Each structure stands twice: as structure tokens, then as C-alpha cells.
Amino acid sequence: MVLKYKMEQTTIFREALGDSPVVRVLDFLIEGRGLDYSLSDIAENSNIGWTTLHRIWNKLEKFEIVVFTREIGRAKLFKLNEKNPAVKRLIQLYDTLLYQETERHFSKKLEIPA
């Protein structure tokens, strides 16, 4: 019997905002902005359960954080609504946090001990 263990890594975005299902979905969608995904893909790549995704999905649609893009067979595809001002701010926050963490990481590597 082979057991698979998923190595769970946190991101700077989740570290800053908390590791909730909504933040996990936002983290995944912001990272893959511009692409559209099925709900199954979003749940799997956000590491949340199907039931949890459906519990939060209506709010994400209500606040126009995500938008429907197209259907492929029976699957509906959605993407981050980059036209929404709130989403623009979230993307800005995501990029800023990533930039700061990258700068911090490289500044530590460049320090030369005396």
C-alpha cells in the first residue's frame, strides 16, 4: 500500500491574510490570472474540498470577484475578474507582498559576514 502525502507549502499571500478557503482560492486565481478554470480545477489547486468551494463560491460571484468565461462540455469555466476595482487592489497587494518577500530573500543572501 502506497500512501501519498501532499507537501503543503504556504505562500506569502496566505501568510499575510490568513489561511482560509477564500484566501486559498484568491491566491490560486491571482497567481493564474488571465486563465480560466473549472470549479474542480479551482478546488483541487486551492487545496480545498468541493463542498467548501461551493459554500464560498456564491459570494465570490456576488461580489464579482470571479466571472464566468465559457463552457467546455458540461464544465463551466471561471476566471478572476481583473476589471473589478477590489480585485485590482488584491492583485496589487499580492504583487507587493511577493516583491517585498523576494527583496528580503535576496538581501539576506547578499549579506557578507565580516
PDB file of N, CA and C in Angstrom:
ATOM      1  N   MET A   1       0.835  -1.167   0.000  1.00  0.00           N
ATOM      2  CA  MET A   1       0.000   0.000   0.000  1.00  0.00           C
ATOM      3  C   MET A   1       0.892   1.246   0.000  1.00  0.00           C
ATOM      4  N   VAL A   2       0.626   2.154  -0.934  1.00  0.00           N
ATOM      5  CA  VAL A   2       1.407   3.369  -1.059  1.00  0.00           C
ATOM      6  C   VAL A   2       0.554   4.543  -0.599  1.00  0.00           C
ATOM      7  N   LEU A   3       1.090   5.308   0.329  1.00  0.00           N
ATOM      8  CA  LEU A   3       0.390   6.493   0.801  1.00  0.00           C
ATOM      9  C   LEU A   3       1.016   7.718   0.174  1.00  0.00           C
ATOM     10  N   LYS A   4       0.168   8.608  -0.309  1.00  0.00           N
ATOM     11  CA  LYS A   4       0.664   9.847  -0.887  1.00  0.00           C
ATOM     12  C   LYS A   4       0.466  10.968   0.118  1.00  0.00           C
ATOM     13  N   TYR A   5       1.508  11.727   0.316  1.00  0.00           N
ATOM     14  CA  TYR A   5       1.421  12.885   1.189  1.00  0.00           C
ATOM     15  C   TYR A   5       1.653  14.118   0.351  1.00  0.00           C
ATOM     16  N   LYS A   6       0.742  15.050   0.441  1.00  0.00           N
ATOM     17  CA  LYS A   6       0.892  16.304  -0.283  1.00  0.00           C
ATOM     18  C   LYS A   6       1.696  17.262   0.572  1.00  0.00           C
ATOM     19  N   MET A   7       2.791  17.735   0.030  1.00  0.00           N
ATOM     20  CA  MET A   7       3.585  18.729   0.738  1.00  0.00           C
ATOM     21  C   MET A   7       2.854  20.064   0.628  1.00  0.00           C
ATOM     22  N   GLU A   8       2.366  20.527   1.739  1.00  0.00           N
ATOM     23  CA  GLU A   8       1.614  21.774   1.771  1.00  0.00           C
ATOM     24  C   GLU A   8       2.574  22.923   2.022  1.00  0.00           C
ATOM     25  N   GLN A   9       2.682  23.815   1.065  1.00  0.00           N
ATOM     26  CA  GLN A   9       3.514  24.988   1.247  1.00  0.00           C
ATOM     27  C   GLN A   9       2.613  26.204   1.311  1.00  0.00           C
ATOM     28  N   THR A  10       2.947  27.099   2.188  1.00  0.00           N
ATOM     29  CA  THR A  10       2.166  28.321   2.277  1.00  0.00           C
ATOM     30  C   THR A  10       2.790  29.368   1.365  1.00  0.00           C
ATOM     31  N   THR A  11       2.027  30.368   1.047  1.00  0.00           N
ATOM     32  CA  THR A  11       2.537  31.466   0.234  1.00  0.00           C
ATOM     33  C   THR A  11       2.564  32.717   1.100  1.00  0.00           C
ATOM     34  N   ILE A  12       3.274  33.715   0.649  1.00  0.00           N
ATOM     35  CA  ILE A  12       3.345  34.970   1.401  1.00  0.00           C
ATOM     36  C   ILE A  12       1.961  35.613   1.474  1.00  0.00           C
ATOM     37  N   PHE A  13       1.142  35.431   0.449  1.00  0.00           N
ATOM     38  CA  PHE A  13      -0.213  35.978   0.428  1.00  0.00           C
ATOM     39  C   PHE A  13      -1.057  35.339   1.530  1.00  0.00           C
ATOM     40  N   ARG A  14      -1.000  34.017   1.631  1.00  0.00           N
ATOM     41  CA  ARG A  14      -1.761  33.315   2.672  1.00  0.00           C
ATOM     42  C   ARG A  14      -1.189  33.594   4.052  1.00  0.00           C
ATOM     43  N   GLU A  15       0.107  33.745   4.135  1.00  0.00           N
ATOM     44  CA  GLU A  15       0.740  34.046   5.422  1.00  0.00           C
ATOM     45  C   GLU A  15       0.273  35.411   5.930  1.00  0.00           C
ATOM     46  N   ALA A  16       0.138  36.369   5.030  1.00  0.00           N
ATOM     47  CA  ALA A  16      -0.256  37.724   5.411  1.00  0.00           C
ATOM     48  C   ALA A  16      -1.753  37.836   5.712  1.00  0.00           C
ATOM     49  N   LEU A  17      -2.591  37.144   4.930  1.00  0.00           N
ATOM     50  CA  LEU A  17      -4.041  37.306   5.063  1.00  0.00           C
ATOM     51  C   LEU A  17      -4.740  36.195   5.824  1.00  0.00           C
ATOM     52  N   GLY A  18      -4.023  35.138   6.131  1.00  0.00           N
ATOM     53  CA  GLY A  18      -4.635  34.011   6.820  1.00  0.00           C
ATOM     54  C   GLY A  18      -4.916  32.882   5.850  1.00  0.00           C
ATOM     55  N   ASP A  19      -4.936  31.687   6.366  1.00  0.00           N
ATOM     56  CA  ASP A  19      -5.073  30.509   5.513  1.00  0.00           C
ATOM     57  C   ASP A  19      -6.519  30.018   5.526  1.00  0.00           C
ATOM     58  N   SER A  20      -7.412  30.823   4.937  1.00  0.00           N
ATOM     59  CA  SER A  20      -8.824  30.454   4.865  1.00  0.00           C
ATOM     60  C   SER A  20      -9.129  29.958   3.444  1.00  0.00           C
ATOM     61  N   PRO A  21     -10.246  29.281   3.260  1.00  0.00           N
ATOM     62  CA  PRO A  21     -10.606  28.811   1.909  1.00  0.00           C
ATOM     63  C   PRO A  21     -10.705  29.947   0.891  1.00  0.00           C
ATOM     64  N   VAL A  22     -11.268  31.086   1.290  1.00  0.00           N
ATOM     65  CA  VAL A  22     -11.397  32.210   0.348  1.00  0.00           C
ATOM     66  C   VAL A  22     -10.010  32.709  -0.055  1.00  0.00           C
ATOM     67  N   VAL A  23      -9.118  32.839   0.903  1.00  0.00           N
ATOM     68  CA  VAL A  23      -7.765  33.317   0.603  1.00  0.00           C
ATOM     69  C   VAL A  23      -7.031  32.302  -0.276  1.00  0.00           C
ATOM     70  N   ARG A  24      -7.239  31.020  -0.037  1.00  0.00           N
ATOM     71  CA  ARG A  24      -6.608  29.990  -0.873  1.00  0.00           C
ATOM     72  C   ARG A  24      -7.080  30.102  -2.329  1.00  0.00           C
ATOM     73  N   VAL A  25      -8.389  30.311  -2.517  1.00  0.00           N
ATOM     74  CA  VAL A  25      -8.934  30.451  -3.872  1.00  0.00           C
ATOM     75  C   VAL A  25      -8.386  31.708  -4.525  1.00  0.00           C
ATOM     76  N   LEU A  26      -8.392  32.815  -3.793  1.00  0.00           N
ATOM     77  CA  LEU A  26      -7.853  34.063  -4.338  1.00  0.00           C
ATOM     78  C   LEU A  26      -6.374  33.920  -4.691  1.00  0.00           C
ATOM     79  N   ASP A  27      -5.624  33.285  -3.829  1.00  0.00           N
ATOM     80  CA  ASP A  27      -4.199  33.060  -4.068  1.00  0.00           C
ATOM     81  C   ASP A  27      -3.993  32.308  -5.379  1.00  0.00           C
ATOM     82  N   PHE A  28      -4.749  31.231  -5.558  1.00  0.00           N
ATOM     83  CA  PHE A  28      -4.628  30.441  -6.784  1.00  0.00           C
ATOM     84  C   PHE A  28      -5.039  31.241  -8.018  1.00  0.00           C
ATOM     85  N   LEU A  29      -6.167  31.935  -7.939  1.00  0.00           N
ATOM     86  CA  LEU A  29      -6.661  32.679  -9.099  1.00  0.00           C
ATOM     87  C   LEU A  29      -5.781  33.877  -9.441  1.00  0.00           C
ATOM     88  N   ILE A  30      -5.240  34.546  -8.429  1.00  0.00           N
ATOM     89  CA  ILE A  30      -4.348  35.676  -8.711  1.00  0.00           C
ATOM     90  C   ILE A  30      -3.056  35.176  -9.343  1.00  0.00           C
ATOM     91  N   GLU A  31      -2.533  34.083  -8.832  1.00  0.00           N
ATOM     92  CA  GLU A  31      -1.306  33.530  -9.412  1.00  0.00           C
ATOM     93  C   GLU A  31      -1.530  33.135 -10.873  1.00  0.00           C
ATOM     94  N   GLY A  32      -2.698  32.589 -11.173  1.00  0.00           N
ATOM     95  CA  GLY A  32      -3.005  32.165 -12.538  1.00  0.00           C
ATOM     96  C   GLY A  32      -3.901  33.140 -13.272  1.00  0.00           C
ATOM     97  N   ARG A  33      -3.792  34.425 -12.914  1.00  0.00           N
ATOM     98  CA  ARG A  33      -4.671  35.430 -13.519  1.00  0.00           C
ATOM     99  C   ARG A  33      -4.571  35.404 -15.044  1.00  0.00           C
ATOM    100  N   GLY A  34      -5.693  35.685 -15.657  1.00  0.00           N
ATOM    101  CA  GLY A  34      -5.747  35.676 -17.111  1.00  0.00           C
ATOM    102  C   GLY A  34      -6.193  34.333 -17.667  1.00  0.00           C
ATOM    103  N   LEU A  35      -6.115  33.283 -16.862  1.00  0.00           N
ATOM    104  CA  LEU A  35      -6.542  31.959 -17.306  1.00  0.00           C
ATOM    105  C   LEU A  35      -7.887  31.627 -16.680  1.00  0.00           C
ATOM    106  N   ASP A  36      -8.643  30.771 -17.344  1.00  0.00           N
ATOM    107  CA  ASP A  36      -9.907  30.351 -16.759  1.00  0.00           C
ATOM    108  C   ASP A  36      -9.831  28.895 -16.327  1.00  0.00           C
ATOM    109  N   TYR A  37     -10.635  28.563 -15.307  1.00  0.00           N
ATOM    110  CA  TYR A  37     -10.566  27.253 -14.672  1.00  0.00           C
ATOM    111  C   TYR A  37     -11.966  26.737 -14.378  1.00  0.00           C
ATOM    112  N   SER A  38     -12.082  25.418 -14.364  1.00  0.00           N
ATOM    113  CA  SER A  38     -13.328  24.797 -13.905  1.00  0.00           C
ATOM    114  C   SER A  38     -13.348  24.835 -12.384  1.00  0.00           C
ATOM    115  N   LEU A  39     -14.528  24.649 -11.816  1.00  0.00           N
ATOM    116  CA  LEU A  39     -14.631  24.626 -10.360  1.00  0.00           C
ATOM    117  C   LEU A  39     -13.813  23.489  -9.771  1.00  0.00           C
ATOM    118  N   SER A  40     -13.759  22.360 -10.465  1.00  0.00           N
ATOM    119  CA  SER A  40     -12.945  21.230  -9.992  1.00  0.00           C
ATOM    120  C   SER A  40     -11.471  21.606  -9.935  1.00  0.00           C
ATOM    121  N   ASP A  41     -10.991  22.281 -10.986  1.00  0.00           N
ATOM    122  CA  ASP A  41      -9.596  22.724 -11.005  1.00  0.00           C
ATOM    123  C   ASP A  41      -9.310  23.709  -9.875  1.00  0.00           C
ATOM    124  N   ILE A  42     -10.240  24.613  -9.642  1.00  0.00           N
ATOM    125  CA  ILE A  42     -10.053  25.618  -8.589  1.00  0.00           C
ATOM    126  C   ILE A  42      -9.992  24.943  -7.226  1.00  0.00           C
ATOM    127  N   ALA A  43     -10.912  24.027  -6.966  1.00  0.00           N
ATOM    128  CA  ALA A  43     -10.921  23.329  -5.670  1.00  0.00           C
ATOM    129  C   ALA A  43      -9.632  22.540  -5.477  1.00  0.00           C
ATOM    130  N   GLU A  44      -9.242  21.791  -6.489  1.00  0.00           N
ATOM    131  CA  GLU A  44      -8.045  20.948  -6.383  1.00  0.00           C
ATOM    132  C   GLU A  44      -6.785  21.783  -6.188  1.00  0.00           C
ATOM    133  N   ASN A  45      -6.621  22.818  -6.996  1.00  0.00           N
ATOM    134  CA  ASN A  45      -5.398  23.620  -6.937  1.00  0.00           C
ATOM    135  C   ASN A  45      -5.360  24.578  -5.753  1.00  0.00           C
ATOM    136  N   SER A  46      -6.506  24.835  -5.160  1.00  0.00           N
ATOM    137  CA  SER A  46      -6.555  25.664  -3.955  1.00  0.00           C
ATOM    138  C   SER A  46      -6.452  24.810  -2.693  1.00  0.00           C
ATOM    139  N   ASN A  47      -6.435  23.493  -2.880  1.00  0.00           N
ATOM    140  CA  ASN A  47      -6.374  22.547  -1.762  1.00  0.00           C
ATOM    141  C   ASN A  47      -7.537  22.724  -0.788  1.00  0.00           C
ATOM    142  N   ILE A  48      -8.731  22.864  -1.360  1.00  0.00           N
ATOM    143  CA  ILE A  48      -9.933  22.894  -0.536  1.00  0.00           C
ATOM    144  C   ILE A  48     -10.914  21.874  -1.090  1.00  0.00           C
ATOM    145  N   GLY A  49     -11.849  21.484  -0.292  1.00  0.00           N
ATOM    146  CA  GLY A  49     -12.825  20.498  -0.703  1.00  0.00           C
ATOM    147  C   GLY A  49     -13.899  21.093  -1.604  1.00  0.00           C
ATOM    148  N   TRP A  50     -14.550  20.217  -2.324  1.00  0.00           N
ATOM    149  CA  TRP A  50     -15.613  20.594  -3.252  1.00  0.00           C
ATOM    150  C   TRP A  50     -16.751  21.298  -2.503  1.00  0.00           C
ATOM    151  N   THR A  51     -17.151  20.752  -1.370  1.00  0.00           N
ATOM    152  CA  THR A  51     -18.242  21.331  -0.583  1.00  0.00           C
ATOM    153  C   THR A  51     -17.862  22.718  -0.081  1.00  0.00           C
ATOM    154  N   THR A  52     -16.636  22.871   0.359  1.00  0.00           N
ATOM    155  CA  THR A  52     -16.161  24.166   0.841  1.00  0.00           C
ATOM    156  C   THR A  52     -16.170  25.190  -0.286  1.00  0.00           C
ATOM    157  N   LEU A  53     -15.727  24.789  -1.466  1.00  0.00           N
ATOM    158  CA  LEU A  53     -15.729  25.709  -2.601  1.00  0.00           C
ATOM    159  C   LEU A  53     -17.152  26.167  -2.899  1.00  0.00           C
ATOM    160  N   HIS A  54     -18.092  25.254  -2.920  1.00  0.00           N
ATOM    161  CA  HIS A  54     -19.477  25.635  -3.217  1.00  0.00           C
ATOM    162  C   HIS A  54     -20.071  26.523  -2.129  1.00  0.00           C
ATOM    163  N   ARG A  55     -19.608  26.360  -0.909  1.00  0.00           N
ATOM    164  CA  ARG A  55     -20.088  27.194   0.190  1.00  0.00           C
ATOM    165  C   ARG A  55     -19.651  28.651   0.014  1.00  0.00           C
ATOM    166  N   ILE A  56     -18.455  28.882  -0.547  1.00  0.00           N
ATOM    167  CA  ILE A  56     -17.938  30.249  -0.697  1.00  0.00           C
ATOM    168  C   ILE A  56     -18.135  30.821  -2.096  1.00  0.00           C
ATOM    169  N   TRP A  57     -18.435  29.974  -3.072  1.00  0.00           N
ATOM    170  CA  TRP A  57     -18.442  30.408  -4.473  1.00  0.00           C
ATOM    171  C   TRP A  57     -19.486  31.480  -4.757  1.00  0.00           C
ATOM    172  N   ASN A  58     -20.683  31.351  -4.180  1.00  0.00           N
ATOM    173  CA  ASN A  58     -21.738  32.339  -4.450  1.00  0.00           C
ATOM    174  C   ASN A  58     -21.311  33.752  -4.067  1.00  0.00           C
ATOM    175  N   LYS A  59     -20.572  33.873  -2.962  1.00  0.00           N
ATOM    176  CA  LYS A  59     -20.099  35.194  -2.547  1.00  0.00           C
ATOM    177  C   LYS A  59     -19.070  35.751  -3.528  1.00  0.00           C
ATOM    178  N   LEU A  60     -18.196  34.881  -4.024  1.00  0.00           N
ATOM    179  CA  LEU A  60     -17.192  35.331  -4.993  1.00  0.00           C
ATOM    180  C   LEU A  60     -17.859  35.823  -6.277  1.00  0.00           C
ATOM    181  N   GLU A  61     -18.943  35.162  -6.675  1.00  0.00           N
ATOM    182  CA  GLU A  61     -19.694  35.610  -7.853  1.00  0.00           C
ATOM    183  C   GLU A  61     -20.502  36.874  -7.535  1.00  0.00           C
ATOM    184  N   LYS A  62     -21.134  36.904  -6.362  1.00  0.00           N
ATOM    185  CA  LYS A  62     -21.963  38.048  -5.966  1.00  0.00           C
ATOM    186  C   LYS A  62     -21.166  39.349  -5.972  1.00  0.00           C
ATOM    187  N   PHE A  63     -19.950  39.298  -5.449  1.00  0.00           N
ATOM    188  CA  PHE A  63     -19.106  40.484  -5.394  1.00  0.00           C
ATOM    189  C   PHE A  63     -18.272  40.667  -6.665  1.00  0.00           C
ATOM    190  N   GLU A  64     -18.575  39.865  -7.676  1.00  0.00           N
ATOM    191  CA  GLU A  64     -17.930  39.938  -8.997  1.00  0.00           C
ATOM    192  C   GLU A  64     -16.414  39.822  -8.910  1.00  0.00           C
ATOM    193  N   ILE A  65     -15.961  38.976  -7.997  1.00  0.00           N
ATOM    194  CA  ILE A  65     -14.529  38.692  -7.882  1.00  0.00           C
ATOM    195  C   ILE A  65     -14.125  37.695  -8.968  1.00  0.00           C
ATOM    196  N   VAL A  66     -15.046  36.799  -9.292  1.00  0.00           N
ATOM    197  CA  VAL A  66     -14.840  35.860 -10.396  1.00  0.00           C
ATOM    198  C   VAL A  66     -15.952  36.062 -11.418  1.00  0.00           C
ATOM    199  N   VAL A  67     -15.649  35.730 -12.658  1.00  0.00           N
ATOM    200  CA  VAL A  67     -16.646  35.830 -13.727  1.00  0.00           C
ATOM    201  C   VAL A  67     -16.636  34.560 -14.560  1.00  0.00           C
ATOM    202  N   PHE A  68     -17.809  34.208 -15.039  1.00  0.00           N
ATOM    203  CA  PHE A  68     -17.961  33.080 -15.954  1.00  0.00           C
ATOM    204  C   PHE A  68     -17.331  33.465 -17.290  1.00  0.00           C
ATOM    205  N   THR A  69     -16.573  32.529 -17.883  1.00  0.00           N
ATOM    206  CA  THR A  69     -15.957  32.826 -19.178  1.00  0.00           C
ATOM    207  C   THR A  69     -16.538  32.000 -20.315  1.00  0.00           C
ATOM    208  N   ARG A  70     -16.713  30.678 -20.081  1.00  0.00           N
ATOM    209  CA  ARG A  70     -17.194  29.811 -21.153  1.00  0.00           C
ATOM    210  C   ARG A  70     -17.542  28.436 -20.605  1.00  0.00           C
ATOM    211  N   GLU A  71     -18.120  27.627 -21.473  1.00  0.00           N
ATOM    212  CA  GLU A  71     -18.422  26.243 -21.123  1.00  0.00           C
ATOM    213  C   GLU A  71     -17.662  25.327 -22.060  1.00  0.00           C
ATOM    214  N   ILE A  72     -17.112  24.265 -21.490  1.00  0.00           N
ATOM    215  CA  ILE A  72     -16.493  23.210 -22.287  1.00  0.00           C
ATOM    216  C   ILE A  72     -17.210  21.936 -21.880  1.00  0.00           C
ATOM    217  N   GLY A  73     -18.054  21.443 -22.753  1.00  0.00           N
ATOM    218  CA  GLY A  73     -18.897  20.306 -22.405  1.00  0.00           C
ATOM    219  C   GLY A  73     -19.840  20.731 -21.298  1.00  0.00           C
ATOM    220  N   ARG A  74     -19.810  19.996 -20.186  1.00  0.00           N
ATOM    221  CA  ARG A  74     -20.652  20.353 -19.042  1.00  0.00           C
ATOM    222  C   ARG A  74     -19.926  21.236 -18.034  1.00  0.00           C
ATOM    223  N   ALA A  75     -18.650  21.434 -18.233  1.00  0.00           N
ATOM    224  CA  ALA A  75     -17.852  22.223 -17.279  1.00  0.00           C
ATOM    225  C   ALA A  75     -17.964  23.715 -17.578  1.00  0.00           C
ATOM    226  N   LYS A  76     -18.274  24.477 -16.531  1.00  0.00           N
ATOM    227  CA  LYS A  76     -18.277  25.932 -16.643  1.00  0.00           C
ATOM    228  C   LYS A  76     -16.920  26.431 -16.179  1.00  0.00           C
ATOM    229  N   LEU A  77     -16.371  27.364 -16.931  1.00  0.00           N
ATOM    230  CA  LEU A  77     -15.062  27.911 -16.591  1.00  0.00           C
ATOM    231  C   LEU A  77     -15.205  29.343 -16.101  1.00  0.00           C
ATOM    232  N   PHE A  78     -14.368  29.659 -15.120  1.00  0.00           N
ATOM    233  CA  PHE A  78     -14.385  30.980 -14.492  1.00  0.00           C
ATOM    234  C   PHE A  78     -12.966  31.509 -14.408  1.00  0.00           C
ATOM    235  N   LYS A  79     -12.869  32.835 -14.275  1.00  0.00           N
ATOM    236  CA  LYS A  79     -11.565  33.441 -14.036  1.00  0.00           C
ATOM    237  C   LYS A  79     -11.723  34.632 -13.114  1.00  0.00           C
ATOM    238  N   LEU A  80     -10.612  35.115 -12.644  1.00  0.00           N
ATOM    239  CA  LEU A  80     -10.578  36.290 -11.786  1.00  0.00           C
ATOM    240  C   LEU A  80     -11.058  37.494 -12.592  1.00  0.00           C
ATOM    241  N   ASN A  81     -11.905  38.314 -12.011  1.00  0.00           N
ATOM    242  CA  ASN A  81     -12.426  39.497 -12.684  1.00  0.00           C
ATOM    243  C   ASN A  81     -11.458  40.662 -12.478  1.00  0.00           C
ATOM    244  N   GLU A  82     -10.491  40.769 -13.370  1.00  0.00           N
ATOM    245  CA  GLU A  82      -9.447  41.783 -13.230  1.00  0.00           C
ATOM    246  C   GLU A  82      -9.945  43.198 -13.486  1.00  0.00           C
ATOM    247  N   LYS A  83     -11.203  43.351 -13.926  1.00  0.00           N
ATOM    248  CA  LYS A  83     -11.789  44.683 -14.130  1.00  0.00           C
ATOM    249  C   LYS A  83     -12.394  45.242 -12.847  1.00  0.00           C
ATOM    250  N   ASN A  84     -12.619  44.387 -11.867  1.00  0.00           N
ATOM    251  CA  ASN A  84     -13.194  44.788 -10.595  1.00  0.00           C
ATOM    252  C   ASN A  84     -12.143  45.577  -9.799  1.00  0.00           C
ATOM    253  N   PRO A  85     -12.480  46.802  -9.338  1.00  0.00           N
ATOM    254  CA  PRO A  85     -11.505  47.612  -8.580  1.00  0.00           C
ATOM    255  C   PRO A  85     -10.968  46.908  -7.333  1.00  0.00           C
ATOM    256  N   ALA A  86     -11.804  46.154  -6.641  1.00  0.00           N
ATOM    257  CA  ALA A  86     -11.349  45.435  -5.445  1.00  0.00           C
ATOM    258  C   ALA A  86     -10.342  44.359  -5.824  1.00  0.00           C
ATOM    259  N   VAL A  87     -10.582  43.672  -6.925  1.00  0.00           N
ATOM    260  CA  VAL A  87      -9.659  42.638  -7.393  1.00  0.00           C
ATOM    261  C   VAL A  87      -8.340  43.281  -7.819  1.00  0.00           C
ATOM    262  N   LYS A  88      -8.420  44.453  -8.452  1.00  0.00           N
ATOM    263  CA  LYS A  88      -7.191  45.166  -8.828  1.00  0.00           C
ATOM    264  C   LYS A  88      -6.337  45.444  -7.593  1.00  0.00           C
ATOM    265  N   ARG A  89      -6.991  45.816  -6.493  1.00  0.00           N
ATOM    266  CA  ARG A  89      -6.267  46.091  -5.248  1.00  0.00           C
ATOM    267  C   ARG A  89      -5.675  44.814  -4.661  1.00  0.00           C
ATOM    268  N   LEU A  90      -6.435  43.714  -4.741  1.00  0.00           N
ATOM    269  CA  LEU A  90      -5.911  42.439  -4.253  1.00  0.00           C
ATOM    270  C   LEU A  90      -4.684  42.009  -5.052  1.00  0.00           C
ATOM    271  N   ILE A  91      -4.727  42.197  -6.358  1.00  0.00           N
ATOM    272  CA  ILE A  91      -3.587  41.862  -7.212  1.00  0.00           C
ATOM    273  C   ILE A  91      -2.392  42.741  -6.848  1.00  0.00           C
ATOM    274  N   GLN A  92      -2.670  44.013  -6.606  1.00  0.00           N
ATOM    275  CA  GLN A  92      -1.603  44.942  -6.212  1.00  0.00           C
ATOM    276  C   GLN A  92      -0.985  44.502  -4.884  1.00  0.00           C
ATOM    277  N   LEU A  93      -1.825  44.123  -3.930  1.00  0.00           N
ATOM    278  CA  LEU A  93      -1.335  43.632  -2.640  1.00  0.00           C
ATOM    279  C   LEU A  93      -0.507  42.365  -2.833  1.00  0.00           C
ATOM    280  N   TYR A  94      -1.007  41.431  -3.622  1.00  0.00           N
ATOM    281  CA  TYR A  94      -0.313  40.174  -3.909  1.00  0.00           C
ATOM    282  C   TYR A  94       1.076  40.461  -4.487  1.00  0.00           C
ATOM    283  N   ASP A  95       1.114  41.320  -5.507  1.00  0.00           N
ATOM    284  CA  ASP A  95       2.391  41.633  -6.165  1.00  0.00           C
ATOM    285  C   ASP A  95       3.349  42.342  -5.218  1.00  0.00           C
ATOM    286  N   THR A  96       2.835  43.236  -4.386  1.00  0.00           N
ATOM    287  CA  THR A  96       3.672  43.966  -3.429  1.00  0.00           C
ATOM    288  C   THR A  96       4.258  43.020  -2.383  1.00  0.00           C
ATOM    289  N   LEU A  97       3.412  42.140  -1.849  1.00  0.00           N
ATOM    290  CA  LEU A  97       3.901  41.167  -0.870  1.00  0.00           C
ATOM    291  C   LEU A  97       4.968  40.263  -1.477  1.00  0.00           C
ATOM    292  N   LEU A  98       4.740  39.824  -2.696  1.00  0.00           N
ATOM    293  CA  LEU A  98       5.702  38.965  -3.378  1.00  0.00           C
ATOM    294  C   LEU A  98       7.020  39.706  -3.618  1.00  0.00           C
ATOM    295  N   TYR A  99       6.923  40.962  -4.041  1.00  0.00           N
ATOM    296  CA  TYR A  99       8.116  41.765  -4.276  1.00  0.00           C
ATOM    297  C   TYR A  99       8.907  41.958  -2.982  1.00  0.00           C
ATOM    298  N   GLN A 100       8.205  42.300  -1.907  1.00  0.00           N
ATOM    299  CA  GLN A 100       8.881  42.520  -0.619  1.00  0.00           C
ATOM    300  C   GLN A 100       9.563  41.251  -0.130  1.00  0.00           C
ATOM    301  N   GLU A 101       8.880  40.127  -0.263  1.00  0.00           N
ATOM    302  CA  GLU A 101       9.462  38.863   0.188  1.00  0.00           C
ATOM    303  C   GLU A 101      10.682  38.489  -0.663  1.00  0.00           C
ATOM    304  N   THR A 102      10.603  38.746  -1.957  1.00  0.00           N
ATOM    305  CA  THR A 102      11.739  38.464  -2.842  1.00  0.00           C
ATOM    306  C   THR A 102      12.929  39.345  -2.478  1.00  0.00           C
ATOM    307  N   GLU A 103      12.659  40.628  -2.245  1.00  0.00           N
ATOM    308  CA  GLU A 103      13.725  41.551  -1.842  1.00  0.00           C
ATOM    309  C   GLU A 103      14.357  41.109  -0.523  1.00  0.00           C
ATOM    310  N   ARG A 104      13.536  40.714   0.429  1.00  0.00           N
ATOM    311  CA  ARG A 104      14.036  40.265   1.730  1.00  0.00           C
ATOM    312  C   ARG A 104      14.901  39.015   1.557  1.00  0.00           C
ATOM    313  N   HIS A 105      14.443  38.106   0.727  1.00  0.00           N
ATOM    314  CA  HIS A 105      15.172  36.859   0.487  1.00  0.00           C
ATOM    315  C   HIS A 105      16.540  37.133  -0.133  1.00  0.00           C
ATOM    316  N   PHE A 106      16.577  37.986  -1.156  1.00  0.00           N
ATOM    317  CA  PHE A 106      17.843  38.256  -1.825  1.00  0.00           C
ATOM    318  C   PHE A 106      18.769  39.134  -1.004  1.00  0.00           C
ATOM    319  N   SER A 107      18.224  40.004  -0.183  1.00  0.00           N
ATOM    320  CA  SER A 107      19.095  40.837   0.645  1.00  0.00           C
ATOM    321  C   SER A 107      19.793  39.984   1.707  1.00  0.00           C
ATOM    322  N   LYS A 108      19.132  38.924   2.184  1.00  0.00           N
ATOM    323  CA  LYS A 108      19.765  38.015   3.138  1.00  0.00           C
ATOM    324  C   LYS A 108      20.900  37.248   2.479  1.00  0.00           C
ATOM    325  N   LYS A 109      20.734  36.854   1.225  1.00  0.00           N
ATOM    326  CA  LYS A 109      21.760  36.101   0.519  1.00  0.00           C
ATOM    327  C   LYS A 109      22.962  36.967   0.197  1.00  0.00           C
ATOM    328  N   LEU A 110      22.742  38.260   0.015  1.00  0.00           N
ATOM    329  CA  LEU A 110      23.826  39.160  -0.376  1.00  0.00           C
ATOM    330  C   LEU A 110      24.643  39.654   0.821  1.00  0.00           C
ATOM    331  N   GLU A 111      24.141  39.457   2.042  1.00  0.00           N
ATOM    332  CA  GLU A 111      24.893  39.889   3.217  1.00  0.00           C
ATOM    333  C   GLU A 111      26.170  39.065   3.340  1.00  0.00           C
ATOM    334  N   ILE A 112      27.271  39.779   3.467  1.00  0.00           N
ATOM    335  CA  ILE A 112      28.576  39.125   3.566  1.00  0.00           C
ATOM    336  C   ILE A 112      29.060  39.255   5.000  1.00  0.00           C
ATOM    337  N   PRO A 113      29.318  38.137   5.659  1.00  0.00           N
ATOM    338  CA  PRO A 113      29.779  38.207   7.042  1.00  0.00           C
ATOM    339  C   PRO A 113      31.149  38.871   7.131  1.00  0.00           C
ATOM    340  N   ALA A 114      31.372  39.646   8.185  1.00  0.00           N
ATOM    341  CA  ALA A 114      32.633  40.384   8.340  1.00  0.00           C
ATOM    342  C   ALA A 114      33.736  39.501   8.853  1.00  0.00           C
TER     343      ALA A 114
END
